[in-house]
Amino acid sequence: MQHTGLKLSKLLAKNGCKLESEMYWSDTIEFVKQKNGKLKIQNVGFKLKKFPSKEKAFIDSEHYRAYDLLWDISIKYAKEFFGNNKNEISYVTETLLLFLQENKIKEAEDYIWEHCKFNNKEK
């Protein structure tokens, strides 16, 4: 599975995308043991994580949903991302699949952003 990167996840969140996902980018802190034996809190930056179950607390300070490029964007939420035109959705998902088959993740994400409804710029 390939999920949206941090940059695209931030853009989507900033522009109103609040669709459900299983994964998210989290600004993460970890406890690091120092040479003197004491623990130090260290910010390790954003990491891709799975959302906790409903029974567990959500303690991350800053987070952005990460969407699976094939399942979430191309199938599950295709209408929410690209509209109701079946021909356009088919074309977009076929193009995304070609990018992913060639391991062109950045190009796939750029293509998603350029064509998705969350990109509010004039088309």
C-alpha atoms as a PDB file:
ATOM      1  CA  MET A   1       0.000   0.000   0.000  1.00  0.00           C
ATOM      2  CA  GLN A   2       1.196   3.485  -0.848  1.00  0.00           C
ATOM      3  CA  HIS A   3      -0.293   6.343   1.170  1.00  0.00           C
ATOM      4  CA  THR A   4      -0.359  10.048   0.494  1.00  0.00           C
ATOM      5  CA  GLY A   5       2.802  11.767   1.600  1.00  0.00           C
ATOM      6  CA  LEU A   6       2.902  14.420   4.280  1.00  0.00           C
ATOM      7  CA  LYS A   7       2.815  17.318   1.804  1.00  0.00           C
ATOM      8  CA  LEU A   8      -0.339  16.125   0.008  1.00  0.00           C
ATOM      9  CA  SER A   9      -1.971  15.084   3.292  1.00  0.00           C
ATOM     10  CA  LYS A  10      -1.429  18.603   4.659  1.00  0.00           C
ATOM     11  CA  LEU A  11      -2.815  20.199   1.472  1.00  0.00           C
ATOM     12  CA  LEU A  12      -5.920  18.023   1.596  1.00  0.00           C
ATOM     13  CA  ALA A  13      -6.543  18.780   5.283  1.00  0.00           C
ATOM     14  CA  LYS A  14      -5.963  22.507   4.780  1.00  0.00           C
ATOM     15  CA  ASN A  15      -8.526  22.494   1.968  1.00  0.00           C
ATOM     16  CA  GLY A  16     -11.302  20.695   3.844  1.00  0.00           C
ATOM     17  CA  CYS A  17     -10.734  16.984   3.224  1.00  0.00           C
ATOM     18  CA  LYS A  18     -12.034  15.185   6.316  1.00  0.00           C
ATOM     19  CA  LEU A  19     -12.666  11.753   4.844  1.00  0.00           C
ATOM     20  CA  GLU A  20     -11.984   8.730   7.053  1.00  0.00           C
ATOM     21  CA  SER A  21      -8.706   6.850   6.719  1.00  0.00           C
ATOM     22  CA  GLU A  22      -6.872   4.131   8.611  1.00  0.00           C
ATOM     23  CA  MET A  23      -3.504   5.893   8.569  1.00  0.00           C
ATOM     24  CA  TYR A  24      -2.264   9.348   9.503  1.00  0.00           C
ATOM     25  CA  TRP A  25       0.899  11.430   9.642  1.00  0.00           C
ATOM     26  CA  SER A  26       1.724  12.337  13.226  1.00  0.00           C
ATOM     27  CA  ASP A  27       4.176  14.847  14.648  1.00  0.00           C
ATOM     28  CA  THR A  28       5.908  12.377  16.924  1.00  0.00           C
ATOM     29  CA  ILE A  29       7.937  12.629  20.095  1.00  0.00           C
ATOM     30  CA  GLU A  30       9.903   9.765  21.550  1.00  0.00           C
ATOM     31  CA  PHE A  31      11.775   9.159  24.776  1.00  0.00           C
ATOM     32  CA  VAL A  32      15.483   8.652  24.149  1.00  0.00           C
ATOM     33  CA  LYS A  33      17.754   7.184  26.814  1.00  0.00           C
ATOM     34  CA  GLN A  34      20.861   9.309  27.285  1.00  0.00           C
ATOM     35  CA  LYS A  35      24.336   8.060  28.288  1.00  0.00           C
ATOM     36  CA  ASN A  36      23.709   9.138  31.880  1.00  0.00           C
ATOM     37  CA  GLY A  37      20.601   6.915  32.007  1.00  0.00           C
ATOM     38  CA  LYS A  38      18.065   9.747  31.994  1.00  0.00           C
ATOM     39  CA  LEU A  39      15.252   9.897  29.476  1.00  0.00           C
ATOM     40  CA  LYS A  40      15.033  12.868  27.155  1.00  0.00           C
ATOM     41  CA  ILE A  41      12.027  13.841  25.046  1.00  0.00           C
ATOM     42  CA  GLN A  42      12.973  14.219  21.395  1.00  0.00           C
ATOM     43  CA  ASN A  43      10.815  15.338  18.479  1.00  0.00           C
ATOM     44  CA  VAL A  44      11.485  12.892  15.645  1.00  0.00           C
ATOM     45  CA  GLY A  45       9.231  14.629  13.123  1.00  0.00           C
ATOM     46  CA  PHE A  46       6.259  13.250  11.271  1.00  0.00           C
ATOM     47  CA  LYS A  47       5.757   9.478  11.051  1.00  0.00           C
ATOM     48  CA  LEU A  48       3.074   7.443   9.304  1.00  0.00           C
ATOM     49  CA  LYS A  49       0.912   5.646  11.879  1.00  0.00           C
ATOM     50  CA  LYS A  50      -2.297   3.650  12.082  1.00  0.00           C
ATOM     51  CA  PHE A  51      -5.212   5.396  13.797  1.00  0.00           C
ATOM     52  CA  PRO A  52      -5.754   4.017  17.304  1.00  0.00           C
ATOM     53  CA  SER A  53      -8.852   2.029  18.111  1.00  0.00           C
ATOM     54  CA  LYS A  54     -11.768   3.930  19.622  1.00  0.00           C
ATOM     55  CA  GLU A  55     -10.880   2.572  23.066  1.00  0.00           C
ATOM     56  CA  LYS A  56      -7.418   4.181  22.999  1.00  0.00           C
ATOM     57  CA  ALA A  57      -6.754   7.864  23.513  1.00  0.00           C
ATOM     58  CA  PHE A  58      -5.559   9.965  20.601  1.00  0.00           C
ATOM     59  CA  ILE A  59      -2.603  11.863  22.058  1.00  0.00           C
ATOM     60  CA  ASP A  60      -0.745  13.203  19.027  1.00  0.00           C
ATOM     61  CA  SER A  61      -0.632  16.976  18.889  1.00  0.00           C
ATOM     62  CA  GLU A  62      -0.588  17.516  15.147  1.00  0.00           C
ATOM     63  CA  HIS A  63      -1.776  14.975  12.613  1.00  0.00           C
ATOM     64  CA  TYR A  64      -2.955  14.668   9.005  1.00  0.00           C
ATOM     65  CA  ARG A  65      -4.911  11.810   7.475  1.00  0.00           C
ATOM     66  CA  ALA A  66      -2.983   9.670   4.995  1.00  0.00           C
ATOM     67  CA  TYR A  67      -5.025   8.093   2.198  1.00  0.00           C
ATOM     68  CA  ASP A  68      -4.179   4.908   0.331  1.00  0.00           C
ATOM     69  CA  LEU A  69      -3.555   6.050  -3.245  1.00  0.00           C
ATOM     70  CA  LEU A  70      -5.292   3.087  -4.859  1.00  0.00           C
ATOM     71  CA  TRP A  71      -8.067   2.076  -2.481  1.00  0.00           C
ATOM     72  CA  ASP A  72      -9.084   5.300  -0.727  1.00  0.00           C
ATOM     73  CA  ILE A  73      -8.559   7.806  -3.529  1.00  0.00           C
ATOM     74  CA  SER A  74      -9.193   5.733  -6.661  1.00  0.00           C
ATOM     75  CA  ILE A  75     -12.088   3.589  -5.438  1.00  0.00           C
ATOM     76  CA  LYS A  76     -13.589   4.284  -2.001  1.00  0.00           C
ATOM     77  CA  TYR A  77     -13.650   8.104  -2.263  1.00  0.00           C
ATOM     78  CA  ALA A  78     -13.319   8.573  -6.033  1.00  0.00           C
ATOM     79  CA  LYS A  79     -16.500  10.689  -6.249  1.00  0.00           C
ATOM     80  CA  GLU A  80     -15.484  12.837  -3.288  1.00  0.00           C
ATOM     81  CA  PHE A  81     -12.077  13.463  -4.860  1.00  0.00           C
ATOM     82  CA  PHE A  82     -12.955  13.743  -8.556  1.00  0.00           C
ATOM     83  CA  GLY A  83     -16.724  14.277  -8.929  1.00  0.00           C
ATOM     84  CA  ASN A  84     -19.568  12.191 -10.321  1.00  0.00           C
ATOM     85  CA  ASN A  85     -18.460  11.884 -13.950  1.00  0.00           C
ATOM     86  CA  LYS A  86     -17.750   8.143 -14.379  1.00  0.00           C
ATOM     87  CA  ASN A  87     -15.635   8.673 -17.496  1.00  0.00           C
ATOM     88  CA  GLU A  88     -13.437  11.227 -15.751  1.00  0.00           C
ATOM     89  CA  ILE A  89     -13.090   9.008 -12.665  1.00  0.00           C
ATOM     90  CA  SER A  90     -12.070   6.070 -14.884  1.00  0.00           C
ATOM     91  CA  TYR A  91      -9.491   8.175 -16.709  1.00  0.00           C
ATOM     92  CA  VAL A  92      -8.039   9.581 -13.484  1.00  0.00           C
ATOM     93  CA  THR A  93      -7.822   6.190 -11.755  1.00  0.00           C
ATOM     94  CA  GLU A  94      -6.223   4.567 -14.831  1.00  0.00           C
ATOM     95  CA  THR A  95      -3.644   7.368 -14.952  1.00  0.00           C
ATOM     96  CA  LEU A  96      -2.922   6.963 -11.232  1.00  0.00           C
ATOM     97  CA  LEU A  97      -2.487   3.218 -11.672  1.00  0.00           C
ATOM     98  CA  LEU A  98       0.041   3.808 -14.462  1.00  0.00           C
ATOM     99  CA  PHE A  99       2.034   6.209 -12.281  1.00  0.00           C
ATOM    100  CA  LEU A 100       2.022   3.743  -9.390  1.00  0.00           C
ATOM    101  CA  GLN A 101       3.033   0.802 -11.594  1.00  0.00           C
ATOM    102  CA  GLU A 102       6.059   2.835 -12.662  1.00  0.00           C
ATOM    103  CA  ASN A 103       6.753   3.779  -9.004  1.00  0.00           C
ATOM    104  CA  LYS A 104       6.207   7.471  -9.815  1.00  0.00           C
ATOM    105  CA  ILE A 105       4.699   8.396  -6.445  1.00  0.00           C
ATOM    106  CA  LYS A 106       5.417  12.135  -6.625  1.00  0.00           C
ATOM    107  CA  GLU A 107       3.846  12.338 -10.086  1.00  0.00           C
ATOM    108  CA  ALA A 108       0.791  10.417  -8.831  1.00  0.00           C
ATOM    109  CA  GLU A 109       0.378  12.803  -5.902  1.00  0.00           C
ATOM    110  CA  ASP A 110       0.841  15.859  -8.127  1.00  0.00           C
ATOM    111  CA  TYR A 111      -1.773  14.447 -10.509  1.00  0.00           C
ATOM    112  CA  ILE A 112      -4.219  13.833  -7.657  1.00  0.00           C
ATOM    113  CA  TRP A 113      -3.803  17.382  -6.369  1.00  0.00           C
ATOM    114  CA  GLU A 114      -4.144  18.901  -9.836  1.00  0.00           C
ATOM    115  CA  HIS A 115      -7.411  17.052 -10.537  1.00  0.00           C
ATOM    116  CA  CYS A 116      -9.098  16.713  -7.139  1.00  0.00           C
ATOM    117  CA  LYS A 117     -12.041  18.769  -5.920  1.00  0.00           C
ATOM    118  CA  PHE A 118     -10.155  19.834  -2.790  1.00  0.00           C
ATOM    119  CA  ASN A 119      -7.819  21.905  -4.940  1.00  0.00           C
ATOM    120  CA  ASN A 120      -9.803  25.137  -4.960  1.00  0.00           C
ATOM    121  CA  LYS A 121      -7.840  26.944  -7.637  1.00  0.00           C
ATOM    122  CA  GLU A 122      -9.535  27.794 -10.925  1.00  0.00           C
ATOM    123  CA  LYS A 123      -9.384  24.920 -13.395  1.00  0.00           C
END
